[in-house]
Amino acid sequence: HTRLDENGLLKVSLGILAPTVTLTQASDSDDFLNVQDQKLWVGPTFDPSSTYRPTGEFCGFASMIADETPVLGTEFTTNFTTGNGYAFYENGEITGKSDSGWYNRSLTDVLPTWRWIIEAEDEGQELSGKIDLEDAWWGGTSLKFTGNMDADKANHVKLYSAQLEITDTSEFSMTYKTPVAGVQVELGLCFGEDYSDSNFKFYDVETTANGEWTTAKVDLSGDAGKTAIAISLRFNAPEGVSDYAINVGRMSFTTEKETPTTVTGVTLDEVIYPDDDTLQARIYWDKAENTSEYVIHRVHPDGTKEFVGATPSDSFYLGEYTRLDDEANATFEITPYNESGVAGTATPFSIAWPDVPENSFDHIPDMGENLALGQPAVSSATCVAD
């Protein structure tokens, strides 16, 4: 009674001390996303629906908090991007890569509500799910499901809690990659009062096992007027399958087909040349209609495009870029995208490189003799005790 008020509501809350330990204890990004962070938020079973409650072991916040969802209304698209990665992918192709990888938390997509609720029929073998950093359709990550399946013992993977409204123009699309045949894939939408399997309606998703990114579409107009409270995928192997693997790079529910308008009014607010072959700049532009995100690329002299960054704003800072192949101008372009990931027309702009005089000095001048080399250290101080 000391923890409840007169209405039976809790008067206490939970404080989380140093949740960043899931990152600092992780061996790499994969371990962080799929193991260490999951232990804290989901619990030791990695199943938020689990009723396993051992003593002396934290069971995860999912055991205490009801699910909530931002998947509301008629439109929902996700590329399963965590806002970081080893490479940046666009339409399945790497357009940006560095030794240290990349991160941009503003690009984080809505990730699955449940990681992972995977249920196999009749106690069959269950697939494993993970956030995959090795391949993506757009961004840095995708979903990946792997494992063996027994014959006709389907795996039901519940992904999202939702309040998704179906209309007479609703369409589902899924971009996936699988090299393994013999598995039927279905979209599941829950139209009941709870997440029981009996409340799910399943729709065939025709898939091709060619090991390439492929997009399948499903017409949902037959259920116009209904509201789905959950989204799932179901996998079934009629004859069983070994070493099944599928990456899901995008899932999208759309009703409108409007593409973004073209970006106009690109302004170079400030251009700085640290030296003749290096530039930095701030840029602004007029916002385009039907746009939720702007993607900036650098266009190389050979026509290839390199991902620079993305933002929902109408301004961007171009970091340090170097001259390529004696180009006279550094060329960039801005492409608007709508909420469904549909691209508009790219708008190019250029920044002129300064002329380099003949017989000019080297960019790295002779710094002279290193007077500190070999000299004794006369003091030492500790910055951080640990």
Protein backbone atom coordinates (compact mmCIF):
# COMPACT_ATOMS: atom_id res chain seq x y z
CA HIS A 1 0.00 0.00 0.00
CA THR A 2 2.94 2.33 0.50
CA ARG A 3 3.73 2.18 -3.23
CA LEU A 4 0.16 2.85 -4.44
CA ASP A 5 -2.03 5.94 -4.18
CA GLU A 6 -5.74 6.00 -3.36
CA ASN A 7 -6.55 5.16 -6.98
CA GLY A 8 -4.27 2.13 -7.05
CA LEU A 9 -1.63 3.84 -9.20
CA LEU A 10 2.08 3.56 -8.52
CA LYS A 11 3.70 6.43 -6.63
CA VAL A 12 7.21 5.29 -7.54
CA SER A 13 9.25 5.13 -10.72
CA LEU A 14 12.33 3.32 -11.95
CA GLY A 15 15.63 5.12 -12.29
CA ILE A 16 18.14 3.87 -14.86
CA LEU A 17 21.76 4.37 -13.84
CA ALA A 18 24.35 4.40 -16.63
CA PRO A 19 22.41 2.60 -19.39
CA THR A 20 25.40 3.32 -21.64
CA VAL A 21 27.13 0.28 -20.16
CA THR A 22 25.39 -1.75 -22.88
CA LEU A 23 27.56 0.13 -25.36
CA THR A 24 30.79 0.20 -23.39
CA GLN A 25 30.56 -3.51 -22.61
CA ALA A 26 29.85 -4.48 -26.23
CA SER A 27 32.64 -5.92 -28.36
CA ASP A 28 31.30 -4.33 -31.58
CA SER A 29 28.15 -2.79 -33.05
CA ASP A 30 26.57 -6.18 -33.74
CA ASP A 31 27.08 -7.27 -30.13
CA PHE A 32 25.62 -3.97 -28.91
CA LEU A 33 22.49 -4.04 -31.10
CA ASN A 34 21.66 -7.71 -30.85
CA VAL A 35 22.98 -8.83 -27.46
CA GLN A 36 24.01 -6.25 -24.84
CA ASP A 37 21.27 -3.66 -25.42
CA GLN A 38 18.65 -6.39 -25.80
CA LYS A 39 19.55 -7.84 -22.40
CA LEU A 40 18.77 -4.51 -20.74
CA TRP A 41 15.55 -3.61 -22.55
CA VAL A 42 14.13 -7.04 -23.42
CA GLY A 43 15.73 -9.42 -20.93
CA PRO A 44 17.79 -12.61 -20.95
CA THR A 45 15.34 -14.55 -23.16
CA PHE A 46 15.46 -11.88 -25.94
CA ASP A 47 11.67 -12.33 -26.14
CA PRO A 48 9.51 -9.46 -24.79
CA SER A 49 6.51 -11.81 -24.46
CA SER A 50 8.40 -14.20 -22.18
CA THR A 51 7.07 -14.83 -18.66
CA TYR A 52 10.46 -16.10 -17.43
CA ARG A 53 11.12 -14.33 -14.10
CA PRO A 54 14.25 -15.65 -12.40
CA THR A 55 15.41 -14.27 -9.07
CA GLY A 56 18.71 -12.47 -8.99
CA GLU A 57 18.60 -11.56 -12.69
CA PHE A 58 17.14 -8.46 -14.35
CA CYS A 59 14.26 -9.48 -16.62
CA GLY A 60 14.33 -6.42 -18.90
CA PHE A 61 12.08 -3.37 -19.03
CA ALA A 62 9.81 -5.12 -21.53
CA SER A 63 8.54 -7.26 -18.63
CA MET A 64 7.21 -4.14 -16.88
CA ILE A 65 6.12 -1.74 -19.62
CA ALA A 66 3.26 -2.16 -22.08
CA ASP A 67 4.10 -1.63 -25.74
CA GLU A 68 3.38 1.69 -27.45
CA THR A 69 3.72 2.57 -31.12
CA PRO A 70 4.28 5.52 -33.46
CA VAL A 71 2.82 3.48 -36.36
CA LEU A 72 -0.38 5.52 -36.69
CA GLY A 73 -2.70 6.54 -39.53
CA THR A 74 -2.53 5.32 -43.11
CA GLU A 75 1.18 5.63 -44.00
CA PHE A 76 4.18 3.78 -42.59
CA THR A 77 7.59 3.09 -44.13
CA THR A 78 10.75 1.80 -42.49
CA ASN A 79 14.16 0.78 -43.80
CA PHE A 80 15.12 -0.68 -40.39
CA THR A 81 18.02 1.77 -40.21
CA THR A 82 19.53 2.23 -36.74
CA GLY A 83 21.18 5.55 -37.64
CA ASN A 84 24.62 4.03 -38.04
CA GLY A 85 26.48 1.39 -40.02
CA TYR A 86 29.72 0.22 -41.57
CA ALA A 87 28.61 1.49 -44.99
CA PHE A 88 25.75 3.58 -46.38
CA TYR A 89 23.46 1.81 -48.84
CA GLU A 90 21.02 3.31 -51.32
CA ASN A 91 18.79 0.91 -53.24
CA GLY A 92 21.04 -1.91 -52.11
CA GLU A 93 24.27 -0.32 -53.42
CA ILE A 94 27.05 1.15 -51.28
CA THR A 95 27.26 4.91 -51.91
CA GLY A 96 29.30 5.86 -48.85
CA LYS A 97 31.92 4.04 -46.84
CA SER A 98 34.76 4.85 -44.46
CA ASP A 99 37.05 2.85 -42.20
CA SER A 100 35.30 4.20 -39.12
CA GLY A 101 31.77 3.70 -40.44
CA TRP A 102 29.09 6.38 -40.08
CA TYR A 103 26.40 7.50 -37.67
CA ASN A 104 23.51 9.95 -37.92
CA ARG A 105 20.87 9.42 -35.27
CA SER A 106 18.38 11.63 -37.14
CA LEU A 107 18.17 8.89 -39.80
CA THR A 108 17.04 6.25 -37.30
CA ASP A 109 13.90 4.47 -38.50
CA VAL A 110 11.06 3.01 -36.47
CA LEU A 111 12.49 -0.37 -35.48
CA PRO A 112 10.33 -3.38 -34.58
CA THR A 113 8.27 -3.02 -31.41
CA TRP A 114 9.17 -6.58 -30.42
CA ARG A 115 12.66 -8.05 -30.76
CA TRP A 116 11.91 -10.83 -31.00
CA ILE A 117 8.53 -12.59 -30.82
CA ILE A 118 9.03 -15.61 -33.10
CA GLU A 119 6.60 -18.50 -32.64
CA ALA A 120 6.81 -21.81 -34.49
CA GLU A 121 3.76 -24.06 -34.93
CA ASP A 122 3.62 -27.39 -33.08
CA GLU A 123 6.94 -26.80 -31.30
CA GLY A 124 8.83 -26.64 -34.59
CA GLN A 125 12.24 -25.11 -35.02
CA GLU A 126 12.28 -21.35 -34.63
CA LEU A 127 14.09 -18.82 -36.80
CA SER A 128 16.45 -16.29 -35.24
CA GLY A 129 16.11 -12.57 -35.86
CA LYS A 130 18.73 -9.82 -35.77
CA ILE A 131 19.58 -6.31 -36.93
CA ASP A 132 22.06 -6.97 -39.76
CA LEU A 133 24.96 -4.55 -40.24
CA GLU A 134 26.37 -6.48 -43.20
CA ASP A 135 23.69 -5.59 -45.76
CA ALA A 136 20.94 -3.01 -46.23
CA TRP A 137 18.56 -1.61 -48.80
CA TRP A 138 18.73 2.02 -47.59
CA GLY A 139 20.85 3.25 -44.71
CA GLY A 140 23.13 0.99 -42.72
CA THR A 141 21.10 -1.99 -41.50
CA SER A 142 18.32 -4.42 -42.37
CA LEU A 143 16.37 -7.18 -40.64
CA LYS A 144 17.69 -10.71 -41.04
CA PHE A 145 16.00 -14.00 -40.20
CA THR A 146 17.97 -17.24 -40.33
CA GLY A 147 17.68 -20.86 -39.31
CA ASN A 148 16.11 -24.22 -40.07
CA MET A 149 12.38 -24.87 -40.40
CA ASP A 150 10.47 -28.10 -40.07
CA ALA A 151 7.99 -29.07 -42.79
CA ASP A 152 4.70 -27.16 -42.50
CA LYS A 153 5.53 -25.71 -39.09
CA ALA A 154 5.27 -22.02 -39.87
CA ASN A 155 7.21 -19.33 -38.01
CA HIS A 156 5.10 -16.31 -37.06
CA VAL A 157 7.25 -13.21 -36.46
CA LYS A 158 5.31 -10.44 -34.72
CA LEU A 159 7.06 -7.17 -35.51
CA TYR A 160 5.05 -4.02 -34.79
CA SER A 161 2.30 -2.82 -32.55
CA ALA A 162 0.25 -0.40 -34.66
CA GLN A 163 -2.86 1.65 -35.27
CA LEU A 164 -2.65 1.29 -39.05
CA GLU A 165 -5.73 2.42 -40.94
CA ILE A 166 -6.47 0.51 -44.16
CA THR A 167 -8.10 2.44 -47.02
CA ASP A 168 -9.32 1.59 -50.52
CA THR A 169 -5.91 2.66 -51.92
CA SER A 170 -3.69 0.98 -49.29
CA GLU A 171 -0.77 -1.03 -50.63
CA PHE A 172 1.95 -2.98 -48.86
CA SER A 173 5.42 -3.38 -50.35
CA MET A 174 8.44 -5.27 -49.05
CA THR A 175 11.99 -5.14 -50.36
CA TYR A 176 13.87 -8.31 -49.47
CA LYS A 177 16.79 -10.52 -50.43
CA THR A 178 16.97 -14.30 -50.08
CA PRO A 179 19.07 -16.98 -51.81
CA VAL A 180 17.03 -19.88 -50.38
CA ALA A 181 13.93 -21.26 -52.11
CA GLY A 182 11.12 -23.37 -50.70
CA VAL A 183 9.70 -20.87 -48.20
CA GLN A 184 6.32 -19.16 -48.43
CA VAL A 185 6.24 -15.61 -47.02
CA GLU A 186 3.10 -13.87 -45.79
CA LEU A 187 2.24 -10.46 -44.37
CA GLY A 188 0.16 -10.60 -41.21
CA LEU A 189 -2.22 -7.86 -40.02
CA CYS A 190 -4.03 -8.15 -36.69
CA PHE A 191 -7.61 -6.86 -36.78
CA GLY A 192 -8.75 -8.11 -33.36
CA GLU A 193 -8.73 -6.80 -29.81
CA ASP A 194 -5.45 -8.49 -28.89
CA TYR A 195 -2.40 -10.06 -30.56
CA SER A 196 -3.72 -13.63 -30.60
CA ASP A 197 -2.82 -15.57 -33.75
CA SER A 198 -6.52 -16.09 -34.48
CA ASN A 199 -6.93 -12.32 -34.96
CA PHE A 200 -4.32 -12.13 -37.72
CA LYS A 201 -5.19 -12.13 -41.40
CA PHE A 202 -2.41 -13.27 -43.72
CA TYR A 203 -1.63 -12.13 -47.26
CA ASP A 204 0.65 -13.95 -49.70
CA VAL A 205 3.88 -12.12 -50.52
CA GLU A 206 5.31 -13.55 -53.72
CA THR A 207 9.07 -13.92 -53.30
CA THR A 208 11.92 -14.88 -55.60
CA ALA A 209 14.99 -16.66 -54.26
CA ASN A 210 17.60 -15.09 -56.53
CA GLY A 211 19.85 -13.56 -53.87
CA GLU A 212 19.13 -10.04 -55.12
CA TRP A 213 17.12 -7.18 -53.67
CA THR A 214 13.55 -7.56 -54.94
CA THR A 215 10.32 -5.71 -54.15
CA ALA A 216 6.98 -7.47 -53.73
CA LYS A 217 3.62 -5.69 -53.42
CA VAL A 218 0.27 -6.60 -51.88
CA ASP A 219 -3.08 -4.86 -52.49
CA LEU A 220 -4.82 -4.25 -49.14
CA SER A 221 -7.90 -2.40 -50.44
CA GLY A 222 -10.14 -5.40 -49.69
CA ASP A 223 -9.88 -4.56 -45.99
CA ALA A 224 -10.62 -0.83 -46.31
CA GLY A 225 -12.10 0.63 -43.18
CA LYS A 226 -10.30 -1.73 -40.80
CA THR A 227 -7.51 -0.79 -38.39
CA ALA A 228 -4.59 -3.17 -37.85
CA ILE A 229 -3.23 -3.27 -34.30
CA ALA A 230 -0.16 -5.34 -35.22
CA ILE A 231 2.06 -6.15 -38.21
CA SER A 232 3.85 -9.45 -38.68
CA LEU A 233 5.52 -11.78 -41.16
CA ARG A 234 4.92 -15.52 -41.40
CA PHE A 235 7.35 -17.99 -42.98
CA ASN A 236 6.42 -21.55 -43.91
CA ALA A 237 8.48 -24.29 -45.58
CA PRO A 238 6.08 -26.97 -46.89
CA GLU A 239 8.89 -29.51 -47.19
CA GLY A 240 11.19 -28.09 -44.53
CA VAL A 241 14.35 -26.11 -45.16
CA SER A 242 17.91 -25.90 -43.82
CA ASP A 243 19.97 -22.72 -43.45
CA TYR A 244 17.19 -20.38 -44.50
CA ALA A 245 18.17 -16.71 -44.66
CA ILE A 246 16.25 -13.60 -45.67
CA ASN A 247 17.08 -9.91 -45.32
CA VAL A 248 14.20 -7.46 -45.19
CA GLY A 249 15.41 -4.01 -46.22
CA ARG A 250 12.15 -2.09 -46.39
CA MET A 251 8.50 -2.44 -45.43
CA SER A 252 6.00 0.18 -46.57
CA PHE A 253 2.27 0.85 -46.25
CA THR A 254 1.15 3.62 -48.57
CA THR A 255 -2.03 5.21 -49.88
CA GLU A 256 -0.76 8.29 -51.74
CA LYS A 257 1.56 8.34 -54.73
CA GLU A 258 2.60 12.02 -54.72
CA THR A 259 6.31 12.57 -55.33
CA PRO A 260 8.25 15.48 -53.82
CA THR A 261 8.64 18.71 -55.71
CA THR A 262 12.10 19.84 -56.80
CA VAL A 263 14.40 21.73 -54.45
CA THR A 264 15.00 25.36 -55.48
CA GLY A 265 16.89 28.37 -54.16
CA VAL A 266 20.14 26.65 -53.16
CA THR A 267 22.31 29.24 -51.38
CA LEU A 268 25.98 28.99 -50.47
CA ASP A 269 26.00 30.80 -47.14
CA GLU A 270 29.71 30.46 -46.49
CA VAL A 271 32.56 28.74 -48.34
CA ILE A 272 35.95 28.26 -46.71
CA TYR A 273 39.14 27.05 -48.43
CA PRO A 274 41.67 25.81 -45.84
CA ASP A 275 43.99 25.38 -48.84
CA ASP A 276 43.69 25.39 -52.64
CA ASP A 277 42.42 21.81 -52.79
CA THR A 278 40.13 21.69 -49.75
CA LEU A 279 36.75 23.29 -49.10
CA GLN A 280 34.02 23.52 -46.48
CA ALA A 281 30.62 25.17 -46.89
CA ARG A 282 27.25 25.93 -45.34
CA ILE A 283 24.29 25.57 -47.69
CA TYR A 284 20.60 26.47 -47.51
CA TRP A 285 17.65 25.83 -49.82
CA ASP A 286 13.91 26.42 -50.14
CA LYS A 287 11.91 23.48 -48.82
CA ALA A 288 10.14 21.28 -51.36
CA GLU A 289 6.53 20.10 -51.00
CA ASN A 290 5.63 16.51 -50.04
CA THR A 291 9.12 16.10 -48.59
CA SER A 292 10.26 14.62 -45.29
CA GLU A 293 13.98 14.29 -45.97
CA TYR A 294 16.73 15.69 -48.19
CA VAL A 295 19.69 13.57 -49.29
CA ILE A 296 22.93 15.24 -50.38
CA HIS A 297 25.40 13.57 -52.73
CA ARG A 298 28.71 14.58 -54.21
CA VAL A 299 28.92 13.92 -57.93
CA HIS A 300 32.39 12.74 -58.93
CA PRO A 301 33.95 13.73 -62.28
CA ASP A 302 33.18 10.23 -63.63
CA GLY A 303 29.49 10.64 -62.75
CA THR A 304 29.38 8.35 -59.71
CA LYS A 305 27.53 9.68 -56.68
CA GLU A 306 28.87 9.60 -53.13
CA PHE A 307 26.51 9.88 -50.17
CA VAL A 308 27.29 13.00 -48.13
CA GLY A 309 24.41 13.16 -45.66
CA ALA A 310 20.68 13.56 -45.12
CA THR A 311 18.51 15.91 -43.11
CA PRO A 312 14.83 16.83 -42.62
CA SER A 313 15.96 20.47 -42.42
CA ASP A 314 16.58 23.06 -45.16
CA SER A 315 20.25 23.58 -44.31
CA PHE A 316 23.37 21.47 -44.20
CA TYR A 317 27.06 21.76 -43.38
CA LEU A 318 29.42 20.29 -45.97
CA GLY A 319 32.50 19.05 -44.14
CA GLU A 320 35.99 18.96 -45.58
CA TYR A 321 36.13 17.90 -49.23
CA THR A 322 39.17 17.71 -51.49
CA ARG A 323 39.56 18.46 -55.17
CA LEU A 324 39.16 15.42 -57.45
CA ASP A 325 41.11 14.99 -60.71
CA ASP A 326 41.86 18.68 -61.17
CA GLU A 327 38.14 19.48 -61.36
CA ALA A 328 37.25 23.14 -61.75
CA ASN A 329 34.15 22.80 -59.56
CA ALA A 330 33.06 20.50 -56.76
CA THR A 331 29.58 19.33 -57.77
CA PHE A 332 26.84 18.29 -55.36
CA GLU A 333 23.12 17.60 -55.59
CA ILE A 334 20.13 17.63 -53.26
CA THR A 335 17.36 15.03 -53.68
CA PRO A 336 14.05 15.32 -51.80
CA TYR A 337 12.33 12.17 -50.47
CA ASN A 338 8.79 11.77 -49.21
CA GLU A 339 7.79 9.73 -46.13
CA SER A 340 7.39 6.61 -48.26
CA GLY A 341 10.97 6.82 -49.51
CA VAL A 342 10.05 8.03 -53.01
CA ALA A 343 12.67 10.35 -54.48
CA GLY A 344 12.01 13.56 -56.35
CA THR A 345 14.23 15.18 -58.97
CA ALA A 346 17.78 16.01 -57.86
CA THR A 347 18.93 19.63 -57.88
CA PRO A 348 22.66 20.09 -58.66
CA PHE A 349 24.88 22.91 -57.42
CA SER A 350 28.60 23.57 -57.71
CA ILE A 351 31.31 25.24 -55.69
CA ALA A 352 34.22 26.65 -57.71
CA TRP A 353 37.76 25.70 -56.80
CA PRO A 354 40.28 28.57 -56.64
CA ASP A 355 42.86 28.86 -59.37
CA VAL A 356 46.24 27.44 -58.39
CA PRO A 357 49.15 29.64 -59.57
CA GLU A 358 51.98 27.96 -61.39
CA ASN A 359 55.07 27.23 -59.29
CA SER A 360 53.01 27.72 -56.12
CA PHE A 361 54.38 26.58 -52.76
CA ASP A 362 53.64 23.12 -51.44
CA HIS A 363 50.54 22.79 -49.30
CA ILE A 364 52.58 21.30 -46.44
CA PRO A 365 55.45 23.67 -45.71
CA ASP A 366 58.74 22.55 -44.16
CA MET A 367 58.19 22.77 -40.41
CA GLY A 368 61.89 22.81 -39.59
CA GLU A 369 63.78 20.82 -36.96
CA ASN A 370 61.80 18.97 -34.27
CA LEU A 371 63.31 20.54 -31.15
CA ALA A 372 61.36 18.24 -28.78
CA LEU A 373 62.65 15.02 -30.27
CA GLY A 374 64.76 13.06 -27.76
CA GLN A 375 64.38 15.61 -24.97
CA PRO A 376 63.66 14.37 -21.41
CA ALA A 377 60.15 14.57 -19.97
CA VAL A 378 60.21 16.78 -16.90
CA SER A 379 56.66 16.33 -15.58
CA SER A 380 53.69 13.99 -15.80
CA ALA A 381 50.02 14.43 -14.80
CA THR A 382 46.98 12.13 -14.81
CA CYS A 383 43.97 13.48 -16.72
CA VAL A 384 41.32 10.87 -15.90
CA ALA A 385 41.88 8.48 -13.04
CA ASP A 386 40.41 5.44 -14.81
